[in-house]
Amino acid sequence: QDVAYALRDYAGNVDADPQQLEQAQGRLAELERLHRKYGPDLLEHLHKVRRELDSIGLTETKKDELQIRLAALKKEYAEAASLLSGKRRAASKSLESAVERELK
């Protein structure tokens, strides 16, 4: 709660651009909401959540590997989609010719 008051006091004395001020006020509101929800156990809850995240095992290296794999899959998808579009265009021309022949 002291931190919230200190931040509010600091925000009132700082000449910041409106976007930074809005960000700071949003963060302050979120901190106050968390404080109401968890009370004095807020820091313990933070540590608990961090331990849970650590136990998931998604290290920065693994995250980077997954992002690289995702980029490769997106590229592969785009290539396959382009190939499929080309085949559809070719097939539509054949279909168009066949329909025209049937209509004559």
Protein backbone atom coordinates (compact mmCIF):
# COMPACT_ATOMS: atom_id res chain seq x y z
CA GLN A 1 0.00 0.00 0.00
CA ASP A 2 2.92 2.30 0.75
CA VAL A 3 4.25 1.63 -2.73
CA ALA A 4 0.91 2.58 -4.25
CA TYR A 5 0.89 5.87 -2.35
CA ALA A 6 4.49 6.56 -3.31
CA LEU A 7 3.75 5.89 -6.97
CA ARG A 8 0.64 8.07 -6.90
CA ASP A 9 2.60 10.89 -5.24
CA TYR A 10 5.46 10.49 -7.72
CA ALA A 11 3.06 10.44 -10.68
CA GLY A 12 1.50 13.68 -9.47
CA ASN A 13 4.87 15.43 -9.37
CA VAL A 14 6.30 14.22 -12.67
CA ASP A 15 5.75 15.95 -15.98
CA ALA A 16 5.30 12.98 -18.27
CA ASP A 17 3.74 12.61 -21.63
CA PRO A 18 0.10 11.52 -21.51
CA GLN A 19 0.84 8.00 -22.76
CA GLN A 20 3.42 7.36 -20.04
CA LEU A 21 1.09 8.81 -17.44
CA GLU A 22 -1.75 6.58 -18.62
CA GLN A 23 0.57 3.55 -18.48
CA ALA A 24 1.68 4.40 -14.96
CA GLN A 25 -1.91 4.91 -13.81
CA GLY A 26 -2.92 1.59 -15.37
CA ARG A 27 -0.08 -0.20 -13.64
CA LEU A 28 -0.95 1.47 -10.35
CA ALA A 29 -4.58 0.42 -10.69
CA GLU A 30 -3.50 -3.15 -11.40
CA LEU A 31 -1.19 -3.16 -8.36
CA GLU A 32 -4.01 -1.85 -6.17
CA ARG A 33 -6.37 -4.52 -7.53
CA LEU A 34 -3.81 -7.24 -6.79
CA HIS A 35 -3.23 -5.83 -3.31
CA ARG A 36 -6.96 -5.94 -2.57
CA LYS A 37 -7.17 -9.50 -3.89
CA TYR A 38 -4.09 -10.95 -2.17
CA GLY A 39 -3.52 -8.49 0.67
CA PRO A 40 -0.24 -8.88 2.53
CA ASP A 41 0.37 -12.19 0.74
CA LEU A 42 0.95 -10.45 -2.59
CA LEU A 43 4.72 -11.01 -2.62
CA GLU A 44 4.29 -14.64 -1.60
CA HIS A 45 1.81 -15.08 -4.45
CA LEU A 46 4.31 -13.49 -6.85
CA HIS A 47 7.02 -15.92 -5.73
CA LYS A 48 4.59 -18.84 -6.05
CA VAL A 49 3.67 -17.87 -9.60
CA ARG A 50 7.33 -17.47 -10.53
CA ARG A 51 8.10 -20.93 -9.12
CA GLU A 52 5.22 -22.38 -11.14
CA LEU A 53 6.50 -20.72 -14.29
CA ASP A 54 9.99 -22.04 -13.61
CA SER A 55 8.61 -25.54 -13.10
CA ILE A 56 6.97 -25.42 -16.52
CA GLY A 57 10.49 -25.38 -17.90
CA LEU A 58 9.96 -22.96 -20.76
CA THR A 59 13.43 -21.50 -20.74
CA GLU A 60 14.43 -18.65 -23.00
CA THR A 61 16.38 -21.12 -25.14
CA LYS A 62 13.34 -23.36 -25.54
CA LYS A 63 11.18 -20.33 -26.26
CA ASP A 64 13.62 -19.19 -28.95
CA GLU A 65 13.68 -22.69 -30.46
CA LEU A 66 9.88 -22.75 -30.58
CA GLN A 67 9.77 -19.33 -32.23
CA ILE A 68 12.27 -20.47 -34.88
CA ARG A 69 10.22 -23.62 -35.48
CA LEU A 70 7.05 -21.53 -35.73
CA ALA A 71 8.67 -19.24 -38.31
CA ALA A 72 9.77 -22.28 -40.35
CA LEU A 73 6.28 -23.77 -40.21
CA LYS A 74 4.73 -20.46 -41.28
CA LYS A 75 7.11 -20.33 -44.25
CA GLU A 76 6.29 -23.93 -45.15
CA TYR A 77 2.58 -23.15 -44.91
CA ALA A 78 2.91 -20.08 -47.15
CA GLU A 79 4.78 -22.12 -49.76
CA ALA A 80 2.16 -24.89 -49.69
CA ALA A 81 -0.66 -22.34 -49.91
CA SER A 82 1.00 -20.69 -52.89
CA LEU A 83 1.45 -24.05 -54.63
CA LEU A 84 -2.17 -24.96 -53.94
CA SER A 85 -3.36 -21.61 -55.32
CA GLY A 86 -1.39 -22.19 -58.51
CA LYS A 87 -2.88 -25.65 -58.93
CA ARG A 88 -6.37 -24.28 -58.33
CA ARG A 89 -5.87 -21.57 -60.95
CA ALA A 90 -4.70 -24.17 -63.46
CA ALA A 91 -7.61 -26.47 -62.63
CA SER A 92 -10.10 -23.61 -62.92
CA LYS A 93 -8.90 -22.90 -66.46
CA SER A 94 -9.41 -26.55 -67.41
CA LEU A 95 -12.82 -26.54 -65.76
CA GLU A 96 -13.76 -23.33 -67.53
CA SER A 97 -12.83 -24.83 -70.89
CA ALA A 98 -14.77 -28.02 -70.16
CA VAL A 99 -17.87 -26.07 -69.11
CA GLU A 100 -17.70 -23.91 -72.25
CA ARG A 101 -17.43 -27.04 -74.44
CA GLU A 102 -20.45 -28.57 -72.72
CA LEU A 103 -22.51 -25.42 -73.12
CA LYS A 104 -21.86 -25.23 -76.89
